């Protein structure tokens, strides 16, 4: 279907009944694709149970404010930057002399 393009899709739509098993299967699989995408995203992001909170907060924010996910990501980036600055300030206060030294991690060769 991909190689032949839109005419092939129209031909299949015309010859297969919309209430038949083949079309119901295509619609069911097509409806599950967003779930697969979210599952792949969660697998990459979530390492512990608390990692679910910002993930679902972003979707809730997007749905309740009526904004798209890019806007929610920009808002989340601002909060992440504020959180980063607060953590760095607290580390600077707890370090002797107010200087924070970080050890450089060596890159692994893969």
C-alpha atoms as a PDB file:
ATOM      1  CA  UNK A   1       0.000   0.000   0.000  1.00  0.00           C
ATOM      2  CA  UNK A   2       2.856   2.370   0.770  1.00  0.00           C
ATOM      3  CA  UNK A   3       4.576   1.719  -2.538  1.00  0.00           C
ATOM      4  CA  UNK A   4       1.416   2.103  -4.654  1.00  0.00           C
ATOM      5  CA  UNK A   5       0.140   5.194  -2.840  1.00  0.00           C
ATOM      6  CA  UNK A   6      -3.334   6.651  -2.371  1.00  0.00           C
ATOM      7  CA  UNK A   7      -5.004   4.883  -5.327  1.00  0.00           C
ATOM      8  CA  UNK A   8      -4.207   1.501  -3.770  1.00  0.00           C
ATOM      9  CA  UNK A   9      -5.694   2.588  -0.441  1.00  0.00           C
ATOM     10  CA  UNK A  10      -8.864   3.770  -2.198  1.00  0.00           C
ATOM     11  CA  UNK A  11      -9.084   0.451  -4.055  1.00  0.00           C
ATOM     12  CA  UNK A  12      -8.793  -1.522  -0.833  1.00  0.00           C
ATOM     13  CA  UNK A  13     -11.411   0.694   0.835  1.00  0.00           C
ATOM     14  CA  UNK A  14     -13.804   0.114  -2.051  1.00  0.00           C
ATOM     15  CA  UNK A  15     -13.409  -3.674  -2.149  1.00  0.00           C
ATOM     16  CA  UNK A  16     -13.288  -4.450   1.562  1.00  0.00           C
ATOM     17  CA  UNK A  17     -16.505  -3.939   3.535  1.00  0.00           C
ATOM     18  CA  UNK A  18     -16.137  -1.406   6.334  1.00  0.00           C
ATOM     19  CA  UNK A  19     -17.811  -3.757   8.815  1.00  0.00           C
ATOM     20  CA  UNK A  20     -15.692  -6.750   7.763  1.00  0.00           C
ATOM     21  CA  UNK A  21     -13.023  -8.442   9.834  1.00  0.00           C
ATOM     22  CA  UNK A  22     -10.091  -6.943   7.896  1.00  0.00           C
ATOM     23  CA  UNK A  23     -11.208  -3.335   8.335  1.00  0.00           C
ATOM     24  CA  UNK A  24     -12.155  -3.850  11.998  1.00  0.00           C
ATOM     25  CA  UNK A  25      -8.674  -5.259  12.575  1.00  0.00           C
ATOM     26  CA  UNK A  26      -7.032  -2.276  10.857  1.00  0.00           C
ATOM     27  CA  UNK A  27      -9.103   0.182  12.911  1.00  0.00           C
ATOM     28  CA  UNK A  28      -8.304  -1.663  16.157  1.00  0.00           C
ATOM     29  CA  UNK A  29      -4.571  -1.750  15.464  1.00  0.00           C
ATOM     30  CA  UNK A  30      -4.647   1.897  14.406  1.00  0.00           C
ATOM     31  CA  UNK A  31      -6.388   2.857  17.644  1.00  0.00           C
ATOM     32  CA  UNK A  32      -3.680   1.096  19.688  1.00  0.00           C
ATOM     33  CA  UNK A  33      -0.742   2.923  18.085  1.00  0.00           C
ATOM     34  CA  UNK A  34      -0.895   5.958  20.437  1.00  0.00           C
ATOM     35  CA  UNK A  35      -0.794   3.564  23.402  1.00  0.00           C
ATOM     36  CA  UNK A  36       2.334   1.949  22.002  1.00  0.00           C
ATOM     37  CA  UNK A  37       3.966   5.359  21.578  1.00  0.00           C
ATOM     38  CA  UNK A  38       3.186   6.365  25.153  1.00  0.00           C
ATOM     39  CA  UNK A  39       4.485   3.011  26.424  1.00  0.00           C
ATOM     40  CA  UNK A  40       7.768   3.465  24.551  1.00  0.00           C
ATOM     41  CA  UNK A  41       8.095   6.988  25.952  1.00  0.00           C
ATOM     42  CA  UNK A  42       7.406   5.777  29.495  1.00  0.00           C
ATOM     43  CA  UNK A  43       9.954   2.992  29.136  1.00  0.00           C
ATOM     44  CA  UNK A  44      12.611   5.567  28.254  1.00  0.00           C
ATOM     45  CA  UNK A  45      11.686   8.083  30.983  1.00  0.00           C
ATOM     46  CA  UNK A  46      10.513   6.145  34.028  1.00  0.00           C
ATOM     47  CA  UNK A  47      13.177   4.565  36.231  1.00  0.00           C
ATOM     48  CA  UNK A  48      11.303   4.716  39.543  1.00  0.00           C
ATOM     49  CA  UNK A  49       7.700   5.235  40.626  1.00  0.00           C
ATOM     50  CA  UNK A  50       8.080   8.973  41.295  1.00  0.00           C
ATOM     51  CA  UNK A  51       9.020   9.563  37.655  1.00  0.00           C
ATOM     52  CA  UNK A  52       5.354   9.089  36.719  1.00  0.00           C
ATOM     53  CA  UNK A  53       4.345  12.312  38.483  1.00  0.00           C
ATOM     54  CA  UNK A  54       5.887  14.884  36.089  1.00  0.00           C
ATOM     55  CA  UNK A  55       4.944  12.749  33.082  1.00  0.00           C
ATOM     56  CA  UNK A  56       1.250  12.653  33.949  1.00  0.00           C
ATOM     57  CA  UNK A  57       1.321  16.229  35.261  1.00  0.00           C
ATOM     58  CA  UNK A  58       2.380  17.409  31.801  1.00  0.00           C
ATOM     59  CA  UNK A  59      -0.489  15.619  30.082  1.00  0.00           C
ATOM     60  CA  UNK A  60      -2.936  16.866  32.720  1.00  0.00           C
ATOM     61  CA  UNK A  61      -1.627  20.410  32.301  1.00  0.00           C
ATOM     62  CA  UNK A  62      -2.004  20.204  28.527  1.00  0.00           C
ATOM     63  CA  UNK A  63      -5.530  18.797  28.761  1.00  0.00           C
ATOM     64  CA  UNK A  64      -6.845  21.136  31.456  1.00  0.00           C
ATOM     65  CA  UNK A  65      -5.380  24.352  30.034  1.00  0.00           C
ATOM     66  CA  UNK A  66      -6.186  23.429  26.462  1.00  0.00           C
ATOM     67  CA  UNK A  67      -2.593  23.850  25.311  1.00  0.00           C
ATOM     68  CA  UNK A  68      -0.593  21.551  23.095  1.00  0.00           C
ATOM     69  CA  UNK A  69       2.212  19.343  24.365  1.00  0.00           C
ATOM     70  CA  UNK A  70       4.930  21.642  23.013  1.00  0.00           C
ATOM     71  CA  UNK A  71       3.624  24.489  25.179  1.00  0.00           C
ATOM     72  CA  UNK A  72       3.439  22.172  28.189  1.00  0.00           C
ATOM     73  CA  UNK A  73       7.044  21.140  27.504  1.00  0.00           C
ATOM     74  CA  UNK A  74       8.184  24.771  27.459  1.00  0.00           C
ATOM     75  CA  UNK A  75       6.417  25.392  30.782  1.00  0.00           C
ATOM     76  CA  UNK A  76       8.022  22.241  32.201  1.00  0.00           C
ATOM     77  CA  UNK A  77      11.452  23.382  30.982  1.00  0.00           C
ATOM     78  CA  UNK A  78      11.028  26.660  32.865  1.00  0.00           C
ATOM     79  CA  UNK A  79      10.152  24.788  36.073  1.00  0.00           C
ATOM     80  CA  UNK A  80      13.091  22.411  35.525  1.00  0.00           C
ATOM     81  CA  UNK A  81      15.472  25.372  35.145  1.00  0.00           C
ATOM     82  CA  UNK A  82      14.132  26.988  38.324  1.00  0.00           C
ATOM     83  CA  UNK A  83      14.528  23.673  40.164  1.00  0.00           C
ATOM     84  CA  UNK A  84      18.095  23.331  38.830  1.00  0.00           C
ATOM     85  CA  UNK A  85      19.037  26.828  39.975  1.00  0.00           C
ATOM     86  CA  UNK A  86      17.592  26.201  43.461  1.00  0.00           C
ATOM     87  CA  UNK A  87      19.559  22.945  43.778  1.00  0.00           C
ATOM     88  CA  UNK A  88      22.780  24.644  42.649  1.00  0.00           C
ATOM     89  CA  UNK A  89      22.272  27.470  45.157  1.00  0.00           C
ATOM     90  CA  UNK A  90      21.673  25.003  47.974  1.00  0.00           C
ATOM     91  CA  UNK A  91      24.826  23.078  47.001  1.00  0.00           C
ATOM     92  CA  UNK A  92      26.815  26.314  46.915  1.00  0.00           C
ATOM     93  CA  UNK A  93      25.636  27.213  50.423  1.00  0.00           C
ATOM     94  CA  UNK A  94      26.546  23.790  51.817  1.00  0.00           C
ATOM     95  CA  UNK A  95      29.996  23.664  50.162  1.00  0.00           C
ATOM     96  CA  UNK A  96      32.912  25.121  52.135  1.00  0.00           C
ATOM     97  CA  UNK A  97      33.898  28.524  50.794  1.00  0.00           C
ATOM     98  CA  UNK A  98      30.822  28.691  48.573  1.00  0.00           C
ATOM     99  CA  UNK A  99      32.587  26.923  45.711  1.00  0.00           C
ATOM    100  CA  UNK A 100      31.036  23.812  44.242  1.00  0.00           C
ATOM    101  CA  UNK A 101      33.444  21.393  42.637  1.00  0.00           C
ATOM    102  CA  UNK A 102      32.201  18.567  40.476  1.00  0.00           C
ATOM    103  CA  UNK A 103      34.234  15.603  39.434  1.00  0.00           C
ATOM    104  CA  UNK A 104      34.374  15.144  35.701  1.00  0.00           C
ATOM    105  CA  UNK A 105      33.016  11.830  34.583  1.00  0.00           C
ATOM    106  CA  UNK A 106      34.974   9.966  31.989  1.00  0.00           C
ATOM    107  CA  UNK A 107      33.079   8.999  28.885  1.00  0.00           C
ATOM    108  CA  UNK A 108      32.735   5.320  28.215  1.00  0.00           C
ATOM    109  CA  UNK A 109      33.806   3.989  24.857  1.00  0.00           C
ATOM    110  CA  UNK A 110      31.102   1.831  23.407  1.00  0.00           C
END
